[in-house]
Amino acid sequence: MPQDIEYDELENGRGFWAHRGDMQIGEINIAIVGANRLIIESTRVDSEYDNTDVCKNLVRCVVELARAGGRKILCLCPRAQSVFNHCPEFDDVRLIQMAR
């Protein structure tokens, strides 16, 4: 995976974007529900980066935001849900726990 990928919060505060320089390569969109919940609505990663950690790192950005605010995350996005299913280290902020 290229080392020069950066992750920043979207200007509207409703997610994060992955980029190499000025070129956007991924984005995760969230909704803030009340004081204690975040919903991951959608995740997009350019096909060139499908077999990298870009999606996982975008989810990680939301996880860190949730942890900092004492919030829980609900995934409506299948791609983000898949990341949660494969990353037990994110379970502390998962609103609905899945049986393993």
Protein backbone atom coordinates (compact mmCIF):
# COMPACT_ATOMS: atom_id res chain seq x y z
CA MET A 1 0.00 0.00 0.00
CA PRO A 2 1.32 3.43 -0.81
CA GLN A 3 2.63 5.23 2.25
CA ASP A 4 1.55 8.70 1.11
CA ILE A 5 -2.18 8.23 1.71
CA GLU A 6 -3.65 10.71 4.18
CA TYR A 7 -7.01 10.76 5.94
CA ASP A 8 -8.81 13.97 6.83
CA GLU A 9 -12.21 14.98 8.11
CA LEU A 10 -14.65 16.22 5.47
CA GLU A 11 -15.29 19.96 5.58
CA ASN A 12 -18.94 19.36 6.51
CA GLY A 13 -17.87 17.22 9.49
CA ARG A 14 -19.92 14.27 8.25
CA GLY A 15 -17.13 11.83 7.47
CA PHE A 16 -13.58 11.44 6.28
CA TRP A 17 -11.76 11.26 2.99
CA ALA A 18 -8.64 9.43 1.88
CA HIS A 19 -6.32 11.19 -0.53
CA ARG A 20 -2.93 11.15 -2.15
CA GLY A 21 -2.02 14.76 -2.55
CA ASP A 22 -5.11 16.45 -3.98
CA MET A 23 -6.50 13.23 -5.50
CA GLN A 24 -9.39 11.77 -3.51
CA ILE A 25 -9.26 7.96 -3.42
CA GLY A 26 -11.94 7.20 -0.83
CA GLU A 27 -14.62 8.63 1.40
CA ILE A 28 -16.77 7.52 4.33
CA ASN A 29 -19.98 9.36 5.20
CA ILE A 30 -21.59 9.44 8.61
CA ALA A 31 -24.66 10.82 10.31
CA ILE A 32 -24.48 12.03 13.89
CA VAL A 33 -27.56 10.91 15.79
CA GLY A 34 -28.04 12.55 19.16
CA ALA A 35 -25.13 12.81 21.55
CA ASN A 36 -24.14 9.16 21.57
CA ARG A 37 -24.50 7.58 18.12
CA LEU A 38 -22.87 7.69 14.71
CA ILE A 39 -24.24 5.96 11.63
CA ILE A 40 -21.91 4.97 8.81
CA GLU A 41 -24.08 5.61 5.77
CA SER A 42 -21.70 4.90 2.91
CA THR A 43 -18.12 4.13 2.04
CA ARG A 44 -16.44 4.54 -1.33
CA VAL A 45 -12.92 3.54 -2.33
CA ASP A 46 -11.48 3.80 -5.84
CA SER A 47 -11.18 0.34 -7.37
CA GLU A 48 -7.41 0.78 -7.68
CA TYR A 49 -7.27 0.67 -3.86
CA ASP A 50 -9.68 -2.21 -3.26
CA ASN A 51 -6.99 -4.58 -1.99
CA THR A 52 -5.43 -2.09 0.40
CA ASP A 53 -6.31 -0.90 3.91
CA VAL A 54 -7.95 2.32 2.70
CA CYS A 55 -11.48 1.22 3.65
CA LYS A 56 -10.32 -0.13 7.02
CA ASN A 57 -8.48 3.10 7.73
CA LEU A 58 -11.53 5.18 6.85
CA VAL A 59 -13.58 3.09 9.28
CA ARG A 60 -10.78 3.51 11.84
CA CYS A 61 -11.17 7.31 11.53
CA VAL A 62 -14.86 6.99 12.46
CA VAL A 63 -14.01 4.57 15.29
CA GLU A 64 -11.53 7.07 16.74
CA LEU A 65 -14.14 9.84 16.49
CA ALA A 66 -16.66 7.62 18.28
CA ARG A 67 -14.19 6.70 21.02
CA ALA A 68 -13.25 10.34 21.59
CA GLY A 69 -16.91 11.30 22.00
CA GLY A 70 -18.08 8.24 23.94
CA ARG A 71 -20.33 7.24 21.03
CA LYS A 72 -21.44 3.96 19.46
CA ILE A 73 -21.50 3.20 15.72
CA LEU A 74 -24.24 1.63 13.64
CA CYS A 75 -23.21 0.52 10.13
CA LEU A 76 -25.74 0.84 7.33
CA CYS A 77 -22.98 0.46 4.75
CA PRO A 78 -22.22 -3.18 3.85
CA ARG A 79 -18.57 -2.40 3.14
CA ALA A 80 -18.03 -0.80 6.56
CA GLN A 81 -20.01 -3.61 8.18
CA SER A 82 -17.60 -6.10 6.63
CA VAL A 83 -14.67 -4.22 8.14
CA PHE A 84 -16.32 -4.36 11.58
CA ASN A 85 -16.95 -8.09 11.13
CA HIS A 86 -13.23 -8.67 10.54
CA CYS A 87 -11.85 -6.27 13.16
CA PRO A 88 -12.73 -7.25 16.73
CA GLU A 89 -10.63 -4.31 17.95
CA PHE A 90 -13.54 -2.06 16.89
CA ASP A 91 -16.18 -3.95 18.92
CA ASP A 92 -16.04 -1.46 21.82
CA VAL A 93 -17.84 1.16 19.69
CA ARG A 94 -20.13 -1.17 17.78
CA LEU A 95 -23.78 -0.49 18.61
CA ILE A 96 -25.00 -3.96 17.65
CA GLN A 97 -22.65 -6.79 18.53
CA MET A 98 -22.54 -9.74 16.14
CA ALA A 99 -22.08 -13.33 17.29
CA ARG A 100 -18.64 -14.65 16.42
